[in-house]
Protein backbone atom coordinates (compact mmCIF):
# COMPACT_ATOMS: atom_id res chain seq x y z
CA MET A 1 -0.35 -31.50 -8.50
CA VAL A 2 2.01 -33.54 -6.25
CA ARG A 3 3.32 -31.57 -3.24
CA LYS A 4 6.10 -32.83 -1.11
CA TYR A 5 6.18 -30.25 1.63
CA PHE A 6 3.27 -27.74 1.48
CA GLY A 7 -0.18 -28.73 2.56
CA THR A 8 -3.33 -26.57 2.63
CA ASP A 9 -1.78 -24.17 5.11
CA GLY A 10 2.01 -24.05 4.54
CA ILE A 11 4.30 -26.70 5.75
CA ARG A 12 3.41 -28.40 8.91
CA GLY A 13 4.52 -31.38 10.98
CA ARG A 14 6.20 -32.60 14.17
CA ALA A 15 9.04 -30.47 15.23
CA ASN A 16 12.25 -32.24 14.63
CA GLY A 17 10.33 -34.85 12.79
CA VAL A 18 8.98 -33.18 9.67
CA ILE A 19 9.99 -29.65 10.56
CA THR A 20 13.66 -29.91 11.18
CA PRO A 21 16.41 -27.13 11.20
CA GLU A 22 17.69 -28.48 7.95
CA LEU A 23 14.30 -28.09 6.29
CA ALA A 24 13.77 -24.68 7.72
CA LEU A 25 17.10 -23.64 6.59
CA LYS A 26 16.49 -24.83 2.97
CA VAL A 27 12.99 -23.24 2.90
CA GLY A 28 14.54 -19.95 3.88
CA GLN A 29 17.18 -20.22 1.14
CA ALA A 30 14.58 -21.30 -1.48
CA ALA A 31 11.91 -18.79 -0.58
CA GLY A 32 14.66 -16.05 -0.54
CA LEU A 33 15.92 -16.92 -4.01
CA VAL A 34 12.32 -16.97 -5.34
CA PHE A 35 11.54 -13.62 -4.02
CA LYS A 36 14.81 -11.89 -4.82
CA ASN A 37 14.20 -9.80 -8.00
CA GLY A 38 16.48 -6.77 -8.26
CA GLU A 39 19.60 -5.23 -6.84
CA TYR A 40 18.10 -3.60 -3.97
CA ARG A 41 18.29 -4.88 -0.34
CA HIS A 42 15.51 -7.47 0.03
CA ARG A 43 14.01 -8.21 3.46
CA VAL A 44 11.79 -10.67 5.02
CA LEU A 45 9.64 -10.32 8.16
CA ILE A 46 9.35 -13.36 10.40
CA GLY A 47 6.76 -13.82 13.26
CA LYS A 48 5.94 -16.86 15.38
CA ASP A 49 3.74 -18.24 18.00
CA THR A 50 4.83 -19.45 21.45
CA ARG A 51 5.95 -22.99 20.80
CA LEU A 52 9.27 -24.05 22.15
CA SER A 53 10.34 -25.23 18.71
CA GLY A 54 9.81 -21.66 17.39
CA TYR A 55 13.33 -20.77 18.55
CA MET A 56 14.93 -23.55 16.61
CA ILE A 57 12.99 -22.86 13.40
CA GLU A 58 13.30 -19.13 13.60
CA THR A 59 17.18 -19.48 13.99
CA ALA A 60 17.30 -21.83 10.96
CA LEU A 61 15.03 -19.64 8.84
CA VAL A 62 17.33 -16.60 9.65
CA ALA A 63 20.40 -18.59 8.58
CA GLY A 64 18.66 -19.50 5.34
CA PHE A 65 17.40 -16.10 4.40
CA THR A 66 20.66 -14.17 5.32
CA SER A 67 22.79 -16.77 3.46
CA VAL A 68 21.01 -15.84 0.10
CA GLY A 69 21.37 -12.10 0.85
CA MET A 70 18.00 -11.24 2.50
CA ASP A 71 17.81 -9.04 5.61
CA VAL A 72 15.50 -10.29 8.33
CA LEU A 73 13.07 -8.54 10.63
CA LEU A 74 12.09 -10.47 13.76
CA THR A 75 8.77 -9.67 15.43
CA GLY A 76 8.68 -12.25 18.16
CA PRO A 77 5.19 -13.67 19.03
CA MET A 78 2.59 -12.26 16.70
CA PRO A 79 -0.69 -13.38 15.33
CA THR A 80 -0.64 -14.80 11.70
CA PRO A 81 -2.87 -11.87 10.43
CA ALA A 82 -0.45 -9.46 11.99
CA VAL A 83 2.49 -10.93 10.19
CA ALA A 84 0.45 -10.72 6.86
CA MET A 85 -0.50 -7.11 7.63
CA LEU A 86 3.04 -6.06 8.69
CA THR A 87 4.66 -7.76 5.59
CA ARG A 88 2.62 -5.51 3.35
CA SER A 89 2.81 -2.39 5.59
CA MET A 90 6.57 -2.58 6.04
CA ARG A 91 7.11 -3.22 2.29
CA ALA A 92 8.72 -6.56 2.98
CA ASP A 93 9.44 -8.94 0.07
CA LEU A 94 8.21 -11.91 1.99
CA GLY A 95 6.47 -12.71 5.37
CA VAL A 96 6.87 -15.84 7.42
CA MET A 97 4.81 -17.08 10.28
CA ILE A 98 6.13 -19.89 12.36
CA SER A 99 3.14 -21.76 13.63
CA ALA A 100 1.13 -24.96 13.54
CA SER A 101 -2.12 -23.01 14.36
CA HIS A 102 -4.39 -25.08 16.47
CA ASN A 103 -2.01 -28.11 16.78
CA ALA A 104 -0.36 -29.16 19.93
CA TYR A 105 3.03 -27.68 20.96
CA ASP A 106 5.05 -30.65 19.55
CA ASP A 107 3.97 -29.64 15.97
CA ASN A 108 5.08 -26.55 14.17
CA GLY A 109 4.87 -25.05 10.76
CA ILE A 110 6.03 -22.43 8.30
CA LYS A 111 3.47 -20.22 6.56
CA LEU A 112 4.68 -17.86 3.75
CA PHE A 113 3.12 -14.63 2.69
CA GLY A 114 4.05 -12.62 -0.48
CA PRO A 115 4.69 -8.78 -0.41
CA ASP A 116 0.96 -8.25 -0.90
CA GLY A 117 0.21 -10.10 2.52
CA PHE A 118 -1.48 -13.00 0.82
CA LYS A 119 -0.51 -16.61 1.07
CA LEU A 120 1.49 -17.98 -1.79
CA SER A 121 -0.03 -19.60 -4.74
CA ASP A 122 0.31 -23.22 -5.51
CA GLU A 123 2.72 -22.28 -8.41
CA ILE A 124 5.03 -20.37 -6.24
CA GLU A 125 4.91 -23.00 -3.50
CA LEU A 126 5.96 -25.61 -6.02
CA LYS A 127 8.79 -23.47 -7.29
CA ILE A 128 9.99 -23.26 -3.77
CA GLU A 129 9.64 -26.99 -3.27
CA LYS A 130 11.79 -27.76 -6.31
CA LEU A 131 14.48 -25.46 -5.05
CA VAL A 132 14.38 -26.96 -1.45
CA ASP A 133 15.67 -30.30 -2.86
CA GLY A 134 18.26 -28.68 -4.92
CA ASP A 135 21.91 -27.71 -4.41
CA PHE A 136 22.39 -24.20 -3.08
CA THR A 137 26.21 -24.02 -3.08
CA LYS A 138 26.51 -21.96 -6.19
CA LYS A 139 23.40 -19.81 -5.32
CA LEU A 140 24.54 -18.46 -1.91
CA ALA A 141 25.35 -14.76 -1.50
CA LYS A 142 29.00 -13.51 -1.53
CA PRO A 143 30.41 -12.62 1.81
CA ALA A 144 29.84 -8.92 1.31
CA ASP A 145 26.15 -9.53 0.29
CA LEU A 146 25.07 -11.66 3.24
CA GLY A 147 21.92 -10.47 4.97
CA ARG A 148 21.50 -8.91 8.42
CA ALA A 149 18.90 -9.85 11.07
CA LYS A 150 17.43 -7.65 13.81
CA ARG A 151 14.41 -7.68 16.18
CA ILE A 152 12.11 -4.86 15.70
CA ASP A 153 10.02 -3.03 18.31
CA GLY A 154 6.54 -1.44 18.15
CA VAL A 155 4.97 -3.98 15.87
CA GLN A 156 2.57 -5.09 18.51
CA ASP A 157 1.23 -1.54 18.90
CA ARG A 158 0.91 -1.28 15.14
CA TYR A 159 -1.28 -4.36 15.03
CA ILE A 160 -3.37 -3.17 17.96
CA GLU A 161 -4.01 0.18 16.23
CA PHE A 162 -4.94 -1.70 12.93
CA ALA A 163 -7.32 -3.95 14.74
CA LYS A 164 -9.00 -0.91 16.62
CA ARG A 165 -9.42 0.95 13.27
CA THR A 166 -11.60 -1.73 11.84
CA LEU A 167 -14.38 -0.30 14.04
CA PRO A 168 -15.92 3.13 13.61
CA ARG A 169 -13.91 5.79 15.35
CA ASN A 170 -16.71 6.53 17.89
CA MET A 171 -17.29 2.77 18.67
CA SER A 172 -16.52 1.79 22.36
CA LEU A 173 -16.84 -1.52 24.01
CA GLU A 174 -17.38 0.14 27.36
CA GLY A 175 -19.94 -1.67 29.39
CA LEU A 176 -18.99 -5.10 28.02
CA ARG A 177 -17.21 -7.59 30.25
CA VAL A 178 -15.19 -9.61 27.87
CA ALA A 179 -13.35 -12.81 28.67
CA VAL A 180 -10.69 -13.58 26.16
CA ASP A 181 -8.79 -16.91 25.81
CA CYS A 182 -5.66 -16.51 23.83
CA ALA A 183 -4.74 -20.21 23.84
CA ASN A 184 -1.42 -19.45 25.42
CA GLY A 185 -0.43 -18.44 21.85
CA ALA A 186 0.55 -15.69 19.51
CA ALA A 187 -2.19 -13.17 20.61
CA TYR A 188 -1.46 -13.38 24.38
CA ARG A 189 -0.36 -9.78 24.52
CA VAL A 190 -2.13 -7.97 21.65
CA ALA A 191 -5.68 -9.24 22.10
CA PRO A 192 -6.34 -8.34 25.70
CA GLU A 193 -4.63 -4.98 25.15
CA ALA A 194 -6.69 -4.09 22.11
CA LEU A 195 -9.96 -4.92 23.84
CA TRP A 196 -8.84 -2.91 26.93
CA GLU A 197 -8.00 0.05 24.82
CA LEU A 198 -11.53 -0.09 23.14
CA GLY A 199 -13.02 0.27 26.58
CA ALA A 200 -13.96 -3.27 27.60
CA GLU A 201 -13.53 -4.83 30.92
CA VAL A 202 -11.12 -7.58 30.13
CA VAL A 203 -10.62 -10.93 31.81
CA ALA A 204 -7.85 -12.72 30.06
CA VAL A 205 -6.99 -16.47 30.21
CA GLY A 206 -4.51 -18.53 28.17
CA VAL A 207 -2.01 -15.72 28.48
CA GLU A 208 0.89 -17.47 30.26
CA PRO A 209 2.68 -19.31 27.53
CA ASP A 210 5.50 -21.60 28.50
CA GLY A 211 6.36 -23.24 25.21
CA PHE A 212 4.40 -26.26 25.92
CA ASN A 213 0.86 -25.12 26.84
CA ILE A 214 -0.28 -23.49 23.49
CA ASN A 215 -3.81 -24.89 22.61
CA LYS A 216 -3.65 -27.27 25.61
CA ASP A 217 -7.14 -27.38 27.04
CA CYS A 218 -7.75 -23.87 26.03
CA GLY A 219 -8.49 -21.66 22.86
CA SER A 220 -10.91 -22.06 20.07
CA THR A 221 -10.36 -25.85 19.97
CA ALA A 222 -11.23 -26.33 23.56
CA PRO A 223 -13.79 -23.71 24.46
CA ASP A 224 -15.00 -25.44 27.59
CA ALA A 225 -12.35 -23.58 29.64
CA LEU A 226 -13.46 -20.20 28.39
CA ALA A 227 -17.18 -21.19 29.00
CA ARG A 228 -16.40 -21.93 32.64
CA LYS A 229 -14.68 -18.58 32.93
CA VAL A 230 -17.54 -16.69 31.20
CA ARG A 231 -19.96 -18.14 33.90
CA GLU A 232 -17.62 -17.67 36.67
CA VAL A 233 -17.04 -13.95 36.17
CA ARG A 234 -20.49 -13.31 34.56
CA ALA A 235 -18.87 -12.01 31.31
CA ASP A 236 -21.11 -10.64 28.59
CA ILE A 237 -19.10 -12.40 25.86
CA GLY A 238 -16.19 -14.88 25.57
CA ILE A 239 -13.67 -14.77 22.76
CA ALA A 240 -11.60 -17.91 22.09
CA LEU A 241 -8.65 -17.52 19.72
CA ASP A 242 -6.44 -20.40 18.52
CA GLY A 243 -2.71 -20.72 18.71
CA ASP A 244 -1.82 -18.22 15.98
CA ALA A 245 -5.16 -16.10 16.33
CA ASP A 246 -6.34 -16.52 12.74
CA ARG A 247 -9.50 -18.20 14.02
CA VAL A 248 -12.15 -17.38 16.56
CA LEU A 249 -15.04 -18.92 18.42
CA ILE A 250 -17.40 -16.92 20.55
CA VAL A 251 -18.92 -17.99 23.90
CA ASP A 252 -22.22 -16.32 24.87
CA GLU A 253 -23.14 -15.18 28.34
CA ARG A 254 -24.71 -18.51 29.18
CA GLY A 255 -21.33 -20.27 28.37
CA HIS A 256 -22.61 -21.68 25.10
CA ALA A 257 -20.06 -21.78 22.22
CA VAL A 258 -20.97 -20.12 18.95
CA ASP A 259 -19.24 -21.39 15.70
CA GLY A 260 -18.03 -19.62 12.60
CA ASP A 261 -21.26 -20.23 10.63
CA GLN A 262 -23.27 -18.28 13.19
CA LEU A 263 -20.61 -15.55 13.44
CA MET A 264 -20.59 -15.18 9.54
CA ALA A 265 -24.38 -14.97 9.73
CA VAL A 266 -24.20 -11.99 12.15
CA ILE A 267 -21.60 -10.14 10.24
CA ALA A 268 -23.37 -10.82 6.87
CA GLU A 269 -26.74 -9.51 8.12
CA SER A 270 -25.14 -6.46 9.65
CA TRP A 271 -23.07 -5.62 6.61
CA ASN A 272 -25.95 -6.32 4.27
CA SER A 273 -28.23 -3.96 6.16
CA ASP A 274 -25.49 -1.41 6.08
CA GLY A 275 -24.68 -1.74 2.32
CA ARG A 276 -21.25 -3.01 3.13
CA LEU A 277 -21.31 -6.47 1.33
CA ALA A 278 -19.35 -6.07 -1.89
CA LYS A 279 -21.68 -8.93 -3.30
CA PRO A 280 -24.96 -10.40 -2.10
CA GLY A 281 -23.47 -13.45 -0.54
CA VAL A 282 -20.84 -15.25 1.70
CA VAL A 283 -18.04 -17.60 0.67
CA ALA A 284 -17.77 -20.77 2.91
CA THR A 285 -16.74 -24.33 2.64
CA VAL A 286 -18.51 -27.57 1.94
CA MET A 287 -18.38 -28.04 5.79
CA SER A 288 -20.81 -25.09 6.54
CA ASN A 289 -24.24 -26.06 7.85
CA LEU A 290 -27.11 -26.19 5.55
CA GLY A 291 -29.01 -24.11 8.15
CA PHE A 292 -26.66 -21.35 7.51
CA GLU A 293 -27.17 -21.62 3.76
CA ARG A 294 -30.99 -21.52 4.26
CA TYR A 295 -30.73 -18.53 6.54
CA LEU A 296 -28.65 -16.49 4.05
CA GLY A 297 -31.20 -17.41 1.38
CA SER A 298 -33.91 -15.89 3.59
CA LEU A 299 -31.96 -12.66 3.36
CA GLY A 300 -31.62 -12.79 -0.35
CA LEU A 301 -27.95 -13.78 0.04
CA LYS A 302 -26.01 -16.69 -1.54
CA LEU A 303 -23.72 -19.09 0.03
CA GLU A 304 -20.86 -19.85 -2.33
CA ARG A 305 -19.14 -23.13 -1.22
CA THR A 306 -15.47 -24.09 -1.72
CA ALA A 307 -13.21 -26.96 -0.80
CA VAL A 308 -12.10 -26.93 2.83
CA GLY A 309 -9.30 -24.55 3.68
CA ASP A 310 -9.27 -20.91 4.05
CA ARG A 311 -6.93 -20.38 1.14
CA TYR A 312 -9.69 -21.74 -1.15
CA VAL A 313 -12.25 -19.48 0.46
CA LEU A 314 -10.00 -16.49 -0.08
CA GLU A 315 -9.32 -17.49 -3.67
CA ARG A 316 -13.03 -17.60 -4.51
CA MET A 317 -13.53 -14.29 -2.68
CA LEU A 318 -10.86 -12.52 -4.73
CA ALA A 319 -11.94 -14.09 -8.01
CA GLN A 320 -15.61 -13.27 -7.57
CA GLY A 321 -15.51 -9.97 -5.54
CA TYR A 322 -16.83 -11.12 -2.20
CA ASN A 323 -15.67 -9.43 0.98
CA LEU A 324 -16.86 -11.87 3.62
CA GLY A 325 -16.02 -15.54 3.83
CA GLY A 326 -14.80 -18.29 6.15
CA GLU A 327 -15.16 -21.57 7.84
CA THR A 328 -17.18 -23.21 10.49
CA SER A 329 -13.98 -23.64 12.62
CA GLY A 330 -13.86 -19.87 12.94
CA HIS A 331 -11.53 -18.75 10.08
CA ILE A 332 -13.30 -15.59 9.07
CA ILE A 333 -11.87 -13.46 6.33
CA LEU A 334 -12.88 -9.88 6.00
CA SER A 335 -11.11 -8.82 2.91
CA ASP A 336 -11.84 -5.18 3.40
CA TYR A 337 -9.40 -5.32 6.26
CA ALA A 338 -7.10 -8.43 6.04
CA THR A 339 -5.53 -10.85 3.58
CA THR A 340 -6.17 -13.87 5.85
CA GLY A 341 -8.37 -14.95 8.71
CA ASP A 342 -8.17 -12.62 11.71
CA GLY A 343 -9.77 -13.94 14.89
CA LEU A 344 -9.58 -10.54 16.92
CA VAL A 345 -10.94 -8.51 14.02
CA ALA A 346 -13.79 -10.89 13.42
CA ALA A 347 -14.62 -10.89 17.17
CA LEU A 348 -14.73 -7.00 17.04
CA GLN A 349 -17.16 -6.99 14.17
CA VAL A 350 -19.49 -9.32 16.18
CA MET A 351 -19.16 -7.16 19.33
CA ALA A 352 -19.92 -4.06 17.19
CA VAL A 353 -23.31 -5.78 16.38
CA VAL A 354 -23.85 -6.66 19.99
CA LYS A 355 -23.39 -3.04 21.00
CA LYS A 356 -25.43 -1.75 18.20
CA LEU A 357 -28.45 -4.09 19.07
CA ASP A 358 -28.04 -3.82 22.81
CA LYS A 359 -28.97 -7.43 23.14
CA PRO A 360 -27.45 -10.42 24.87
CA VAL A 361 -24.85 -12.38 22.75
CA SER A 362 -27.04 -15.44 23.02
CA GLU A 363 -29.65 -13.64 21.11
CA VAL A 364 -27.47 -11.87 18.71
CA CYS A 365 -25.38 -14.87 17.71
CA HIS A 366 -28.28 -17.30 17.28
CA ARG A 367 -29.34 -16.40 13.68
CA PHE A 368 -30.56 -19.87 12.61
CA GLU A 369 -31.16 -23.41 13.92
CA PRO A 370 -28.45 -25.59 12.51
CA LEU A 371 -29.32 -29.00 10.98
CA PRO A 372 -27.95 -32.06 12.91
CA GLN A 373 -24.34 -32.35 11.63
CA ILE A 374 -22.04 -35.33 12.70
CA LEU A 375 -18.35 -35.03 12.25
CA ARG A 376 -16.02 -37.95 12.94
CA ASN A 377 -12.24 -38.12 12.55
CA VAL A 378 -10.44 -41.40 11.72
CA ARG A 379 -6.68 -41.37 12.18
CA TYR A 380 -4.68 -43.60 9.80
CA LYS A 381 -0.97 -44.55 9.68
CA LYS A 382 -0.22 -44.81 5.87
CA GLY A 383 -1.65 -45.37 2.44
CA LYS A 384 -4.83 -43.78 0.97
CA PRO A 385 -7.77 -45.24 2.93
CA LEU A 386 -10.37 -43.60 0.74
CA GLU A 387 -9.26 -45.56 -2.29
CA ASP A 388 -10.06 -49.00 -0.47
CA ALA A 389 -12.91 -50.91 -2.05
CA LYS A 390 -14.47 -51.62 1.34
CA VAL A 391 -14.51 -47.88 2.23
CA ARG A 392 -15.85 -46.90 -1.20
CA SER A 393 -18.72 -49.44 -0.73
CA ALA A 394 -19.51 -48.15 2.78
CA ILE A 395 -19.63 -44.47 1.30
CA LYS A 396 -22.09 -45.64 -1.45
CA ALA A 397 -24.24 -47.39 1.02
CA ALA A 398 -24.36 -44.29 3.15
CA GLU A 399 -25.41 -42.12 0.31
CA GLN A 400 -28.19 -44.45 -0.53
CA LYS A 401 -29.34 -44.36 3.12
CA LEU A 402 -29.63 -40.62 3.05
CA ASP A 403 -31.36 -40.72 -0.35
CA GLY A 404 -31.39 -36.97 -0.85
CA GLN A 405 -32.36 -36.20 2.85
CA GLY A 406 -28.87 -35.02 3.67
CA ARG A 407 -25.39 -34.66 2.47
CA LEU A 408 -22.01 -36.27 3.09
CA VAL A 409 -18.53 -34.87 2.97
CA ILE A 410 -15.54 -37.23 3.34
CA ARG A 411 -12.11 -35.83 2.88
CA PRO A 412 -8.51 -36.21 4.13
CA SER A 413 -7.11 -33.53 6.34
CA GLY A 414 -4.65 -31.28 4.56
CA THR A 415 -2.39 -30.94 7.82
CA GLU A 416 -2.53 -34.35 9.50
CA PRO A 417 -3.09 -38.08 8.73
CA VAL A 418 -6.75 -37.96 9.46
CA ILE A 419 -9.93 -38.69 7.33
CA ARG A 420 -12.77 -36.32 8.24
CA VAL A 421 -16.31 -37.71 7.81
CA MET A 422 -19.16 -35.23 7.83
CA GLY A 423 -22.87 -36.00 7.52
CA GLU A 424 -25.72 -33.65 7.98
CA GLY A 425 -29.62 -33.69 7.34
CA ASP A 426 -32.96 -33.09 8.92
CA ASP A 427 -33.05 -36.63 10.51
CA LYS A 428 -30.14 -36.93 13.08
CA ALA A 429 -30.63 -40.62 13.69
CA LEU A 430 -30.30 -41.39 9.92
CA VAL A 431 -27.23 -39.11 9.52
CA GLU A 432 -25.54 -40.89 12.47
CA ASP A 433 -26.23 -44.27 10.94
CA ALA A 434 -24.79 -43.26 7.64
CA VAL A 435 -21.61 -41.67 9.19
CA ASP A 436 -21.04 -44.56 11.54
CA GLY A 437 -21.03 -47.03 8.59
CA ILE A 438 -18.26 -45.06 6.90
CA VAL A 439 -16.27 -44.56 10.05
CA GLU A 440 -16.41 -48.36 10.78
CA ALA A 441 -15.10 -49.19 7.31
CA LEU A 442 -12.29 -46.66 7.68
CA THR A 443 -11.39 -47.82 11.12
CA ASP A 444 -11.01 -51.37 9.85
CA VAL A 445 -8.79 -50.25 6.94
CA ALA A 446 -6.75 -47.79 9.03
CA ALA A 447 -5.94 -50.34 11.88
C-alpha cells in the first residue's frame, strides 16, 4: 500500500516544505468531498496546537472545506483527544487536528478523525490522497452552497468536564502537589485547570506558548525540565504532556521519569483488581519492554503486541475487545473513555491509584524492573537503508550475537527520515554490542 501523503499519524512534515497552504487547501477539499454524503449542512471541527504555522494551515483548511460546501467550527488550541471527543460530541462529520505532536515548531501536520472520533482507516486516507492530486474545478460548491466558518466558545470547559468525569464522582486530588508540563502546547490551558478543579495544588510549566517554543526543552520528550521543577517545589508527582497532549510521562517525587510501560502496568493492575479490564490483557507495541510482558504474566494478563503506532494499538484493541493499550512513549489509550491517546486522562487514572494506595509515586509507578533496552536513531537523507546488503548483514550478525538471549526491533520511523534500532535482553553489554553493529552499518550507508 503506497501512501504519498499520509504516514502512521496523519500528514506530517516541515511547514511550508511538506505542509504547504496548497496541500492543506487540497486536503480540506478532498476530505470534505469524501465525507459529504447527503443534502444536509455538513460540518467539520478544526483544532490546533500552538505552532506559528497553525494559523497558515488553519486558514487554508477553512478555505478548502468551505469551498466544497462544509461549515467549519474552529476551537483554537486544543489537545488532540479533545478534538476527537468534540467531533463525536458535536455531531460533526469530520474532525481535524493541526499538529506535529512531539516534533519541533517548524514541523506541522494534519490529523483527521471520522464522525465517530476515530482516526481514519487506511482505505479512507487513500481515497483522500487520490482526490488531493485531482482537479477540483467541477466539484466545488455553487456560490449559494459555500460553507461558513466560525470560532466556537466553551469547548475547553467541555473537555475539562469530560476529563474530570473519567474519575469517580467522589475522587479528589486534594493533598497532592502536582507539577504539570504542558510543553507550551495544546493543553496549556485545559490541563492545569482540570487538575486544579479536582483539588490538586498545581504548579504549571510550559504554559507560555509563543509559536516557537512548543516541545522545546520541555514536555514528555524532554522530561528533565519537569524533573527539576518537581524537586524544586517538592511536588508529589509531575505530569509531562507532549505538544498535542495525546501522550504523557510521569515524574515521581524524586525526579525520576516513568515511561508508558510502567504507567500501563499501574492502570492494568488497578483495573484488573476492580474488574474493569474488558479482557485479561493489554495491547502494546513491539517496543514495550520484556519486563512489562513478564510482569503482566505474573498477574495472569497477556501482552498483545502490534506494530509501532497508536493507530495499530487501537485497531487491535477494537478488533479483539481490549480496553487498555498504548506505547512506551506514553500514548495510552483507554477506550472506555477516548478514541485516541489522552495524556491528561491517563495521568488522572494513575493519580487515582496513587490516592487509593496512599503511597509515594516512586513506589506506585515502579511495578517491574525493566530489562536493559538500547534505542538508537539513525537519520538518513534518501533511499531505503534497510535494503542495503551491508545493513542486512549487520542485522543478521546482531541476531546471531543475541542467539535467543534478547530481541531486536529495527524499523523506519513513520513520521521522519529516521531508522530506529532497538535491542533488549538480560545482558546489557551483549545488547549494546549488537545494536552498535547495526547502527555503524546504517551510519555508513546513510552518510
